[in-house]
Amino acid sequence: MRPLPVPGVMNKTEARYAAHLEGLKQSGWIIDYSFESVKLRLAKKTFYAPDFFVVFHDHFEVHEVKGFWRDDARVKIKVAARLFPYWKFQAVQWKKKDWIFETIR
């Protein structure tokens, strides 16, 4: 059984991705990023707190980092993408020593 995530504390995959984002920030590819800094209201008493909020020079993106997807997590990011159509939502996974991105619509 996998341990439950602790809000505000990165797991190993999230920490690896934060290091990736830091490299993008240092190279000037992105302006900034933050971990669990945004909370989106999806419905009454239903919220979604994405892993990373990423600031590019011309847009914002929400990045959700997963080792594997639970059904409820996929539903929440899909609902958020529909409710906030001006932001780009990315599912991010570490596979075969590379980051794999899936745009969620």
PDB file of N, CA and C in Angstrom:
ATOM      1  N   MET A   1       0.844  -1.190   0.000  1.00  0.00           N
ATOM      2  CA  MET A   1       0.000   0.000   0.000  1.00  0.00           C
ATOM      3  C   MET A   1       0.885   1.248   0.000  1.00  0.00           C
ATOM      4  N   ARG A   2       0.560   2.178  -0.872  1.00  0.00           N
ATOM      5  CA  ARG A   2       1.339   3.415  -0.989  1.00  0.00           C
ATOM      6  C   ARG A   2       0.937   4.391   0.120  1.00  0.00           C
ATOM      7  N   PRO A   3       1.920   5.151   0.651  1.00  0.00           N
ATOM      8  CA  PRO A   3       1.577   6.158   1.660  1.00  0.00           C
ATOM      9  C   PRO A   3       0.768   7.293   1.033  1.00  0.00           C
ATOM     10  N   LEU A   4      -0.108   7.879   1.830  1.00  0.00           N
ATOM     11  CA  LEU A   4      -0.903   9.011   1.356  1.00  0.00           C
ATOM     12  C   LEU A   4      -0.015  10.242   1.213  1.00  0.00           C
ATOM     13  N   PRO A   5      -0.290  11.084   0.213  1.00  0.00           N
ATOM     14  CA  PRO A   5       0.509  12.298   0.050  1.00  0.00           C
ATOM     15  C   PRO A   5       0.280  13.261   1.212  1.00  0.00           C
ATOM     16  N   VAL A   6       1.326  13.989   1.549  1.00  0.00           N
ATOM     17  CA  VAL A   6       1.255  15.000   2.603  1.00  0.00           C
ATOM     18  C   VAL A   6       1.217  16.361   1.923  1.00  0.00           C
ATOM     19  N   PRO A   7       0.135  17.149   2.123  1.00  0.00           N
ATOM     20  CA  PRO A   7       0.054  18.469   1.486  1.00  0.00           C
ATOM     21  C   PRO A   7       1.273  19.327   1.818  1.00  0.00           C
ATOM     22  N   GLY A   8       1.815  19.975   0.785  1.00  0.00           N
ATOM     23  CA  GLY A   8       2.953  20.867   0.966  1.00  0.00           C
ATOM     24  C   GLY A   8       4.308  20.183   0.978  1.00  0.00           C
ATOM     25  N   VAL A   9       4.325  18.852   0.915  1.00  0.00           N
ATOM     26  CA  VAL A   9       5.578  18.102   0.923  1.00  0.00           C
ATOM     27  C   VAL A   9       5.698  17.343  -0.396  1.00  0.00           C
ATOM     28  N   MET A  10       6.796  17.557  -1.099  1.00  0.00           N
ATOM     29  CA  MET A  10       6.997  16.893  -2.391  1.00  0.00           C
ATOM     30  C   MET A  10       7.386  15.431  -2.196  1.00  0.00           C
ATOM     31  N   ASN A  11       6.838  14.574  -3.061  1.00  0.00           N
ATOM     32  CA  ASN A  11       7.329  13.208  -3.102  1.00  0.00           C
ATOM     33  C   ASN A  11       8.580  13.194  -3.993  1.00  0.00           C
ATOM     34  N   LYS A  12       9.188  12.032  -4.198  1.00  0.00           N
ATOM     35  CA  LYS A  12      10.443  11.961  -4.957  1.00  0.00           C
ATOM     36  C   LYS A  12      10.275  12.405  -6.412  1.00  0.00           C
ATOM     37  N   THR A  13       9.163  12.028  -7.027  1.00  0.00           N
ATOM     38  CA  THR A  13       8.940  12.398  -8.429  1.00  0.00           C
ATOM     39  C   THR A  13       8.712  13.902  -8.551  1.00  0.00           C
ATOM     40  N   GLU A  14       7.935  14.470  -7.634  1.00  0.00           N
ATOM     41  CA  GLU A  14       7.708  15.921  -7.646  1.00  0.00           C
ATOM     42  C   GLU A  14       9.009  16.681  -7.407  1.00  0.00           C
ATOM     43  N   ALA A  15       9.850  16.190  -6.506  1.00  0.00           N
ATOM     44  CA  ALA A  15      11.143  16.838  -6.244  1.00  0.00           C
ATOM     45  C   ALA A  15      12.032  16.779  -7.487  1.00  0.00           C
ATOM     46  N   ARG A  16      12.007  15.652  -8.191  1.00  0.00           N
ATOM     47  CA  ARG A  16      12.776  15.524  -9.431  1.00  0.00           C
ATOM     48  C   ARG A  16      12.268  16.517 -10.470  1.00  0.00           C
ATOM     49  N   TYR A  17      10.933  16.674 -10.540  1.00  0.00           N
ATOM     50  CA  TYR A  17      10.361  17.604 -11.503  1.00  0.00           C
ATOM     51  C   TYR A  17      10.665  19.055 -11.112  1.00  0.00           C
ATOM     52  N   ALA A  18      10.655  19.349  -9.818  1.00  0.00           N
ATOM     53  CA  ALA A  18      11.019  20.697  -9.357  1.00  0.00           C
ATOM     54  C   ALA A  18      12.446  21.032  -9.785  1.00  0.00           C
ATOM     55  N   ALA A  19      13.350  20.060  -9.714  1.00  0.00           N
ATOM     56  CA  ALA A  19      14.727  20.279 -10.161  1.00  0.00           C
ATOM     57  C   ALA A  19      14.752  20.548 -11.675  1.00  0.00           C
ATOM     58  N   HIS A  20      13.914  19.836 -12.418  1.00  0.00           N
ATOM     59  CA  HIS A  20      13.797  20.066 -13.864  1.00  0.00           C
ATOM     60  C   HIS A  20      13.310  21.497 -14.132  1.00  0.00           C
ATOM     61  N   LEU A  21      12.265  21.909 -13.408  1.00  0.00           N
ATOM     62  CA  LEU A  21      11.738  23.269 -13.579  1.00  0.00           C
ATOM     63  C   LEU A  21      12.770  24.319 -13.185  1.00  0.00           C
ATOM     64  N   GLU A  22      13.532  24.044 -12.146  1.00  0.00           N
ATOM     65  CA  GLU A  22      14.569  24.992 -11.723  1.00  0.00           C
ATOM     66  C   GLU A  22      15.598  25.184 -12.837  1.00  0.00           C
ATOM     67  N   GLY A  23      15.938  24.103 -13.517  1.00  0.00           N
ATOM     68  CA  GLY A  23      16.858  24.214 -14.655  1.00  0.00           C
ATOM     69  C   GLY A  23      16.266  25.061 -15.775  1.00  0.00           C
ATOM     70  N   LEU A  24      14.966  24.877 -16.037  1.00  0.00           N
ATOM     71  CA  LEU A  24      14.296  25.699 -17.057  1.00  0.00           C
ATOM     72  C   LEU A  24      14.258  27.163 -16.651  1.00  0.00           C
ATOM     73  N   LYS A  25      14.076  27.407 -15.366  1.00  0.00           N
ATOM     74  CA  LYS A  25      14.060  28.788 -14.861  1.00  0.00           C
ATOM     75  C   LYS A  25      15.452  29.424 -15.002  1.00  0.00           C
ATOM     76  N   GLN A  26      16.490  28.694 -14.615  1.00  0.00           N
ATOM     77  CA  GLN A  26      17.853  29.214 -14.687  1.00  0.00           C
ATOM     78  C   GLN A  26      18.272  29.495 -16.132  1.00  0.00           C
ATOM     79  N   SER A  27      17.746  28.703 -17.072  1.00  0.00           N
ATOM     80  CA  SER A  27      18.089  28.900 -18.484  1.00  0.00           C
ATOM     81  C   SER A  27      17.247  29.987 -19.153  1.00  0.00           C
ATOM     82  N   GLY A  28      16.204  30.490 -18.428  1.00  0.00           N
ATOM     83  CA  GLY A  28      15.356  31.534 -18.978  1.00  0.00           C
ATOM     84  C   GLY A  28      14.171  31.020 -19.775  1.00  0.00           C
ATOM     85  N   TRP A  29      14.005  29.694 -19.828  1.00  0.00           N
ATOM     86  CA  TRP A  29      12.888  29.110 -20.592  1.00  0.00           C
ATOM     87  C   TRP A  29      11.548  29.425 -19.932  1.00  0.00           C
ATOM     88  N   ILE A  30      11.520  29.423 -18.594  1.00  0.00           N
ATOM     89  CA  ILE A  30      10.324  29.830 -17.846  1.00  0.00           C
ATOM     90  C   ILE A  30      10.708  30.967 -16.913  1.00  0.00           C
ATOM     91  N   ILE A  31       9.703  31.728 -16.490  1.00  0.00           N
ATOM     92  CA  ILE A  31       9.953  32.834 -15.559  1.00  0.00           C
ATOM     93  C   ILE A  31      10.018  32.327 -14.133  1.00  0.00           C
ATOM     94  N   ASP A  32       9.050  31.466 -13.763  1.00  0.00           N
ATOM     95  CA  ASP A  32       8.990  30.986 -12.386  1.00  0.00           C
ATOM     96  C   ASP A  32       8.065  29.782 -12.310  1.00  0.00           C
ATOM     97  N   TYR A  33       8.055  29.171 -11.150  1.00  0.00           N
ATOM     98  CA  TYR A  33       7.144  28.053 -10.862  1.00  0.00           C
ATOM     99  C   TYR A  33       6.912  28.017  -9.357  1.00  0.00           C
ATOM    100  N   SER A  34       5.832  27.396  -8.945  1.00  0.00           N
ATOM    101  CA  SER A  34       5.565  27.233  -7.519  1.00  0.00           C
ATOM    102  C   SER A  34       4.879  25.893  -7.294  1.00  0.00           C
ATOM    103  N   PHE A  35       5.084  25.339  -6.104  1.00  0.00           N
ATOM    104  CA  PHE A  35       4.547  24.039  -5.735  1.00  0.00           C
ATOM    105  C   PHE A  35       3.302  24.222  -4.869  1.00  0.00           C
ATOM    106  N   GLU A  36       2.216  23.611  -5.282  1.00  0.00           N
ATOM    107  CA  GLU A  36       0.939  23.624  -4.551  1.00  0.00           C
ATOM    108  C   GLU A  36       0.542  25.024  -4.074  1.00  0.00           C
ATOM    109  N   SER A  37       0.698  26.008  -4.948  1.00  0.00           N
ATOM    110  CA  SER A  37       0.413  27.396  -4.569  1.00  0.00           C
ATOM    111  C   SER A  37      -0.956  27.871  -5.033  1.00  0.00           C
ATOM    112  N   VAL A  38      -1.617  27.081  -5.861  1.00  0.00           N
ATOM    113  CA  VAL A  38      -2.915  27.463  -6.428  1.00  0.00           C
ATOM    114  C   VAL A  38      -3.940  26.420  -6.022  1.00  0.00           C
ATOM    115  N   LYS A  39      -5.114  26.884  -5.668  1.00  0.00           N
ATOM    116  CA  LYS A  39      -6.218  25.977  -5.331  1.00  0.00           C
ATOM    117  C   LYS A  39      -7.417  26.401  -6.172  1.00  0.00           C
ATOM    118  N   LEU A  40      -7.884  25.517  -7.020  1.00  0.00           N
ATOM    119  CA  LEU A  40      -8.983  25.820  -7.935  1.00  0.00           C
ATOM    120  C   LEU A  40     -10.283  25.206  -7.425  1.00  0.00           C
ATOM    121  N   ARG A  41     -11.322  26.008  -7.421  1.00  0.00           N
ATOM    122  CA  ARG A  41     -12.635  25.508  -7.007  1.00  0.00           C
ATOM    123  C   ARG A  41     -13.308  24.880  -8.226  1.00  0.00           C
ATOM    124  N   LEU A  42     -13.652  23.608  -8.121  1.00  0.00           N
ATOM    125  CA  LEU A  42     -14.291  22.890  -9.216  1.00  0.00           C
ATOM    126  C   LEU A  42     -15.799  22.828  -9.056  1.00  0.00           C
ATOM    127  N   ALA A  43     -16.259  22.773  -7.822  1.00  0.00           N
ATOM    128  CA  ALA A  43     -17.685  22.716  -7.495  1.00  0.00           C
ATOM    129  C   ALA A  43     -17.810  23.018  -6.007  1.00  0.00           C
ATOM    130  N   LYS A  44     -19.027  23.070  -5.524  1.00  0.00           N
ATOM    131  CA  LYS A  44     -19.241  23.319  -4.103  1.00  0.00           C
ATOM    132  C   LYS A  44     -18.533  22.223  -3.299  1.00  0.00           C
ATOM    133  N   LYS A  45     -17.637  22.636  -2.408  1.00  0.00           N
ATOM    134  CA  LYS A  45     -16.868  21.744  -1.548  1.00  0.00           C
ATOM    135  C   LYS A  45     -15.933  20.800  -2.316  1.00  0.00           C
ATOM    136  N   THR A  46     -15.591  21.158  -3.552  1.00  0.00           N
ATOM    137  CA  THR A  46     -14.667  20.344  -4.348  1.00  0.00           C
ATOM    138  C   THR A  46     -13.581  21.243  -4.918  1.00  0.00           C
ATOM    139  N   PHE A  47     -12.350  20.953  -4.550  1.00  0.00           N
ATOM    140  CA  PHE A  47     -11.213  21.758  -4.971  1.00  0.00           C
ATOM    141  C   PHE A  47     -10.141  20.880  -5.601  1.00  0.00           C
ATOM    142  N   TYR A  48      -9.296  21.523  -6.380  1.00  0.00           N
ATOM    143  CA  TYR A  48      -8.157  20.851  -7.005  1.00  0.00           C
ATOM    144  C   TYR A  48      -6.927  21.710  -6.759  1.00  0.00           C
ATOM    145  N   ALA A  49      -5.922  21.136  -6.138  1.00  0.00           N
ATOM    146  CA  ALA A  49      -4.655  21.829  -5.887  1.00  0.00           C
ATOM    147  C   ALA A  49      -3.586  21.194  -6.772  1.00  0.00           C
ATOM    148  N   PRO A  50      -3.299  21.791  -7.918  1.00  0.00           N
ATOM    149  CA  PRO A  50      -2.287  21.223  -8.815  1.00  0.00           C
ATOM    150  C   PRO A  50      -0.907  21.214  -8.175  1.00  0.00           C
ATOM    151  N   ASP A  51      -0.076  20.302  -8.644  1.00  0.00           N
ATOM    152  CA  ASP A  51       1.280  20.204  -8.100  1.00  0.00           C
ATOM    153  C   ASP A  51       2.099  21.464  -8.391  1.00  0.00           C
ATOM    154  N   PHE A  52       2.120  21.880  -9.646  1.00  0.00           N
ATOM    155  CA  PHE A  52       2.953  23.026 -10.016  1.00  0.00           C
ATOM    156  C   PHE A  52       2.177  24.036 -10.853  1.00  0.00           C
ATOM    157  N   PHE A  53       2.397  25.293 -10.556  1.00  0.00           N
ATOM    158  CA  PHE A  53       1.904  26.401 -11.359  1.00  0.00           C
ATOM    159  C   PHE A  53       3.145  26.984 -12.021  1.00  0.00           C
ATOM    160  N   VAL A  54       3.182  26.969 -13.360  1.00  0.00           N
ATOM    161  CA  VAL A  54       4.381  27.346 -14.100  1.00  0.00           C
ATOM    162  C   VAL A  54       4.104  28.609 -14.912  1.00  0.00           C
ATOM    163  N   VAL A  55       4.980  29.594 -14.760  1.00  0.00           N
ATOM    164  CA  VAL A  55       4.823  30.875 -15.439  1.00  0.00           C
ATOM    165  C   VAL A  55       5.814  30.944 -16.600  1.00  0.00           C
ATOM    166  N   PHE A  56       5.267  30.960 -17.806  1.00  0.00           N
ATOM    167  CA  PHE A  56       6.062  31.144 -19.013  1.00  0.00           C
ATOM    168  C   PHE A  56       6.049  32.635 -19.360  1.00  0.00           C
ATOM    169  N   HIS A  57       6.755  33.033 -20.378  1.00  0.00           N
ATOM    170  CA  HIS A  57       6.815  34.440 -20.762  1.00  0.00           C
ATOM    171  C   HIS A  57       5.485  34.945 -21.323  1.00  0.00           C
ATOM    172  N   ASP A  58       4.682  34.045 -21.881  1.00  0.00           N
ATOM    173  CA  ASP A  58       3.434  34.490 -22.512  1.00  0.00           C
ATOM    174  C   ASP A  58       2.176  33.752 -22.028  1.00  0.00           C
ATOM    175  N   HIS A  59       2.308  32.839 -21.083  1.00  0.00           N
ATOM    176  CA  HIS A  59       1.141  32.113 -20.581  1.00  0.00           C
ATOM    177  C   HIS A  59       1.472  31.388 -19.272  1.00  0.00           C
ATOM    178  N   PHE A  60       0.424  30.849 -18.654  1.00  0.00           N
ATOM    179  CA  PHE A  60       0.555  30.052 -17.438  1.00  0.00           C
ATOM    180  C   PHE A  60       0.236  28.604 -17.765  1.00  0.00           C
ATOM    181  N   GLU A  61       0.819  27.688 -17.025  1.00  0.00           N
ATOM    182  CA  GLU A  61       0.472  26.285 -17.157  1.00  0.00           C
ATOM    183  C   GLU A  61       0.330  25.656 -15.784  1.00  0.00           C
ATOM    184  N   VAL A  62      -0.531  24.662 -15.713  1.00  0.00           N
ATOM    185  CA  VAL A  62      -0.709  23.846 -14.526  1.00  0.00           C
ATOM    186  C   VAL A  62      -0.112  22.480 -14.852  1.00  0.00           C
ATOM    187  N   HIS A  63       0.819  22.013 -14.010  1.00  0.00           N
ATOM    188  CA  HIS A  63       1.469  20.726 -14.245  1.00  0.00           C
ATOM    189  C   HIS A  63       1.142  19.789 -13.081  1.00  0.00           C
ATOM    190  N   GLU A  64       0.579  18.659 -13.398  1.00  0.00           N
ATOM    191  CA  GLU A  64       0.249  17.624 -12.412  1.00  0.00           C
ATOM    192  C   GLU A  64       1.199  16.460 -12.629  1.00  0.00           C
ATOM    193  N   VAL A  65       2.030  16.183 -11.630  1.00  0.00           N
ATOM    194  CA  VAL A  65       3.054  15.148 -11.724  1.00  0.00           C
ATOM    195  C   VAL A  65       2.536  13.876 -11.061  1.00  0.00           C
ATOM    196  N   LYS A  66       2.555  12.780 -11.811  1.00  0.00           N
ATOM    197  CA  LYS A  66       2.056  11.509 -11.292  1.00  0.00           C
ATOM    198  C   LYS A  66       2.983  10.371 -11.689  1.00  0.00           C
ATOM    199  N   GLY A  67       3.193   9.466 -10.748  1.00  0.00           N
ATOM    200  CA  GLY A  67       3.849   8.217 -11.070  1.00  0.00           C
ATOM    201  C   GLY A  67       2.852   7.289 -11.740  1.00  0.00           C
ATOM    202  N   PHE A  68       1.623   7.352 -11.271  1.00  0.00           N
ATOM    203  CA  PHE A  68       0.508   6.635 -11.873  1.00  0.00           C
ATOM    204  C   PHE A  68      -0.751   7.438 -11.569  1.00  0.00           C
ATOM    205  N   TRP A  69      -1.798   7.218 -12.350  1.00  0.00           N
ATOM    206  CA  TRP A  69      -3.021   8.010 -12.226  1.00  0.00           C
ATOM    207  C   TRP A  69      -4.134   7.230 -11.537  1.00  0.00           C
ATOM    208  N   ARG A  70      -4.697   7.819 -10.507  1.00  0.00           N
ATOM    209  CA  ARG A  70      -5.941   7.319  -9.919  1.00  0.00           C
ATOM    210  C   ARG A  70      -7.079   7.987 -10.682  1.00  0.00           C
ATOM    211  N   ASP A  71      -8.213   7.300 -10.781  1.00  0.00           N
ATOM    212  CA  ASP A  71      -9.339   7.831 -11.551  1.00  0.00           C
ATOM    213  C   ASP A  71      -9.780   9.208 -11.072  1.00  0.00           C
ATOM    214  N   ASP A  72      -9.857   9.422  -9.753  1.00  0.00           N
ATOM    215  CA  ASP A  72     -10.336  10.708  -9.241  1.00  0.00           C
ATOM    216  C   ASP A  72      -9.401  11.849  -9.614  1.00  0.00           C
ATOM    217  N   ALA A  73      -8.102  11.601  -9.656  1.00  0.00           N
ATOM    218  CA  ALA A  73      -7.142  12.645 -10.030  1.00  0.00           C
ATOM    219  C   ALA A  73      -7.312  13.036 -11.494  1.00  0.00           C
ATOM    220  N   ARG A  74      -7.525  12.065 -12.356  1.00  0.00           N
ATOM    221  CA  ARG A  74      -7.711  12.355 -13.777  1.00  0.00           C
ATOM    222  C   ARG A  74      -9.011  13.121 -13.998  1.00  0.00           C
ATOM    223  N   VAL A  75     -10.058  12.768 -13.283  1.00  0.00           N
ATOM    224  CA  VAL A  75     -11.334  13.480 -13.403  1.00  0.00           C
ATOM    225  C   VAL A  75     -11.161  14.934 -12.979  1.00  0.00           C
ATOM    226  N   LYS A  76     -10.491  15.165 -11.864  1.00  0.00           N
ATOM    227  CA  LYS A  76     -10.319  16.539 -11.375  1.00  0.00           C
ATOM    228  C   LYS A  76      -9.544  17.409 -12.355  1.00  0.00           C
ATOM    229  N   ILE A  77      -8.461  16.902 -12.922  1.00  0.00           N
ATOM    230  CA  ILE A  77      -7.689  17.740 -13.843  1.00  0.00           C
ATOM    231  C   ILE A  77      -8.483  17.998 -15.124  1.00  0.00           C
ATOM    232  N   LYS A  78      -9.282  17.034 -15.562  1.00  0.00           N
ATOM    233  CA  LYS A  78     -10.109  17.246 -16.755  1.00  0.00           C
ATOM    234  C   LYS A  78     -11.196  18.285 -16.494  1.00  0.00           C
ATOM    235  N   VAL A  79     -11.816  18.241 -15.329  1.00  0.00           N
ATOM    236  CA  VAL A  79     -12.827  19.242 -14.974  1.00  0.00           C
ATOM    237  C   VAL A  79     -12.181  20.616 -14.889  1.00  0.00           C
ATOM    238  N   ALA A  80     -11.011  20.701 -14.250  1.00  0.00           N
ATOM    239  CA  ALA A  80     -10.305  21.980 -14.127  1.00  0.00           C
ATOM    240  C   ALA A  80      -9.954  22.550 -15.496  1.00  0.00           C
ATOM    241  N   ALA A  81      -9.501  21.692 -16.408  1.00  0.00           N
ATOM    242  CA  ALA A  81      -9.142  22.159 -17.753  1.00  0.00           C
ATOM    243  C   ALA A  81     -10.349  22.735 -18.479  1.00  0.00           C
ATOM    244  N   ARG A  82     -11.521  22.173 -18.237  1.00  0.00           N
ATOM    245  CA  ARG A  82     -12.738  22.701 -18.881  1.00  0.00           C
ATOM    246  C   ARG A  82     -13.207  23.999 -18.228  1.00  0.00           C
ATOM    247  N   LEU A  83     -13.036  24.097 -16.903  1.00  0.00           N
ATOM    248  CA  LEU A  83     -13.470  25.302 -16.192  1.00  0.00           C
ATOM    249  C   LEU A  83     -12.518  26.482 -16.384  1.00  0.00           C
ATOM    250  N   PHE A  84     -11.259  26.194 -16.661  1.00  0.00           N
ATOM    251  CA  PHE A  84     -10.242  27.231 -16.819  1.00  0.00           C
ATOM    252  C   PHE A  84      -9.576  27.076 -18.192  1.00  0.00           C
ATOM    253  N   PRO A  85     -10.321  27.362 -19.263  1.00  0.00           N
ATOM    254  CA  PRO A  85      -9.837  27.075 -20.616  1.00  0.00           C
ATOM    255  C   PRO A  85      -8.673  27.950 -21.083  1.00  0.00           C
ATOM    256  N   TYR A  86      -8.364  29.019 -20.364  1.00  0.00           N
ATOM    257  CA  TYR A  86      -7.278  29.900 -20.792  1.00  0.00           C
ATOM    258  C   TYR A  86      -5.932  29.482 -20.223  1.00  0.00           C
ATOM    259  N   TRP A  87      -5.930  28.450 -19.384  1.00  0.00           N
ATOM    260  CA  TRP A  87      -4.690  27.904 -18.854  1.00  0.00           C
ATOM    261  C   TRP A  87      -4.432  26.572 -19.542  1.00  0.00           C
ATOM    262  N   LYS A  88      -3.181  26.226 -19.665  1.00  0.00           N
ATOM    263  CA  LYS A  88      -2.819  24.936 -20.240  1.00  0.00           C
ATOM    264  C   LYS A  88      -2.565  23.956 -19.092  1.00  0.00           C
ATOM    265  N   PHE A  89      -3.205  22.807 -19.144  1.00  0.00           N
ATOM    266  CA  PHE A  89      -3.070  21.777 -18.121  1.00  0.00           C
ATOM    267  C   PHE A  89      -2.247  20.624 -18.687  1.00  0.00           C
ATOM    268  N   GLN A  90      -1.188  20.263 -17.969  1.00  0.00           N
ATOM    269  CA  GLN A  90      -0.285  19.209 -18.416  1.00  0.00           C
ATOM    270  C   GLN A  90      -0.201  18.103 -17.363  1.00  0.00           C
ATOM    271  N   ALA A  91      -0.394  16.882 -17.797  1.00  0.00           N
ATOM    272  CA  ALA A  91      -0.097  15.715 -16.959  1.00  0.00           C
ATOM    273  C   ALA A  91       1.351  15.354 -17.256  1.00  0.00           C
ATOM    274  N   VAL A  92       2.144  15.165 -16.207  1.00  0.00           N
ATOM    275  CA  VAL A  92       3.571  14.931 -16.374  1.00  0.00           C
ATOM    276  C   VAL A  92       3.947  13.620 -15.677  1.00  0.00           C
ATOM    277  N   GLN A  93       4.664  12.762 -16.400  1.00  0.00           N
ATOM    278  CA  GLN A  93       5.134  11.500 -15.817  1.00  0.00           C
ATOM    279  C   GLN A  93       6.594  11.267 -16.183  1.00  0.00           C
ATOM    280  N   TRP A  94       7.335  10.648 -15.259  1.00  0.00           N
ATOM    281  CA  TRP A  94       8.724  10.277 -15.497  1.00  0.00           C
ATOM    282  C   TRP A  94       8.721   8.834 -15.983  1.00  0.00           C
ATOM    283  N   LYS A  95       9.086   8.636 -17.261  1.00  0.00           N
ATOM    284  CA  LYS A  95       9.095   7.295 -17.840  1.00  0.00           C
ATOM    285  C   LYS A  95      10.355   7.116 -18.675  1.00  0.00           C
ATOM    286  N   LYS A  96      10.997   5.997 -18.487  1.00  0.00           N
ATOM    287  CA  LYS A  96      12.185   5.652 -19.277  1.00  0.00           C
ATOM    288  C   LYS A  96      13.208   6.788 -19.302  1.00  0.00           C
ATOM    289  N   LYS A  97      13.432   7.375 -18.134  1.00  0.00           N
ATOM    290  CA  LYS A  97      14.447   8.418 -17.951  1.00  0.00           C
ATOM    291  C   LYS A  97      14.148   9.705 -18.721  1.00  0.00           C
ATOM    292  N   ASP A  98      12.847  10.010 -18.896  1.00  0.00           N
ATOM    293  CA  ASP A  98      12.460  11.237 -19.584  1.00  0.00           C
ATOM    294  C   ASP A  98      11.097  11.686 -19.081  1.00  0.00           C
ATOM    295  N   TRP A  99      10.844  12.975 -19.171  1.00  0.00           N
ATOM    296  CA  TRP A  99       9.540  13.518 -18.803  1.00  0.00           C
ATOM    297  C   TRP A  99       8.591  13.383 -19.979  1.00  0.00           C
ATOM    298  N   ILE A 100       7.425  12.814 -19.716  1.00  0.00           N
ATOM    299  CA  ILE A 100       6.395  12.623 -20.723  1.00  0.00           C
ATOM    300  C   ILE A 100       5.255  13.583 -20.379  1.00  0.00           C
ATOM    301  N   PHE A 101       4.823  14.384 -21.358  1.00  0.00           N
ATOM    302  CA  PHE A 101       3.771  15.384 -21.154  1.00  0.00           C
ATOM    303  C   PHE A 101       2.526  15.005 -21.928  1.00  0.00           C
ATOM    304  N   GLU A 102       1.391  15.175 -21.285  1.00  0.00           N
ATOM    305  CA  GLU A 102       0.093  14.964 -21.925  1.00  0.00           C
ATOM    306  C   GLU A 102      -0.760  16.203 -21.672  1.00  0.00           C
ATOM    307  N   THR A 103      -1.140  16.888 -22.723  1.00  0.00           N
ATOM    308  CA  THR A 103      -2.017  18.046 -22.568  1.00  0.00           C
ATOM    309  C   THR A 103      -3.431  17.552 -22.273  1.00  0.00           C
ATOM    310  N   ILE A 104      -4.012  18.097 -21.226  1.00  0.00           N
ATOM    311  CA  ILE A 104      -5.370  17.718 -20.804  1.00  0.00           C
ATOM    312  C   ILE A 104      -6.330  18.767 -21.303  1.00  0.00           C
ATOM    313  N   ARG A 105      -7.386  18.327 -21.947  1.00  0.00           N
ATOM    314  CA  ARG A 105      -8.414  19.241 -22.454  1.00  0.00           C
ATOM    315  C   ARG A 105      -9.754  18.868 -21.906  1.00  0.00           C
TER     316      ARG A 105
END
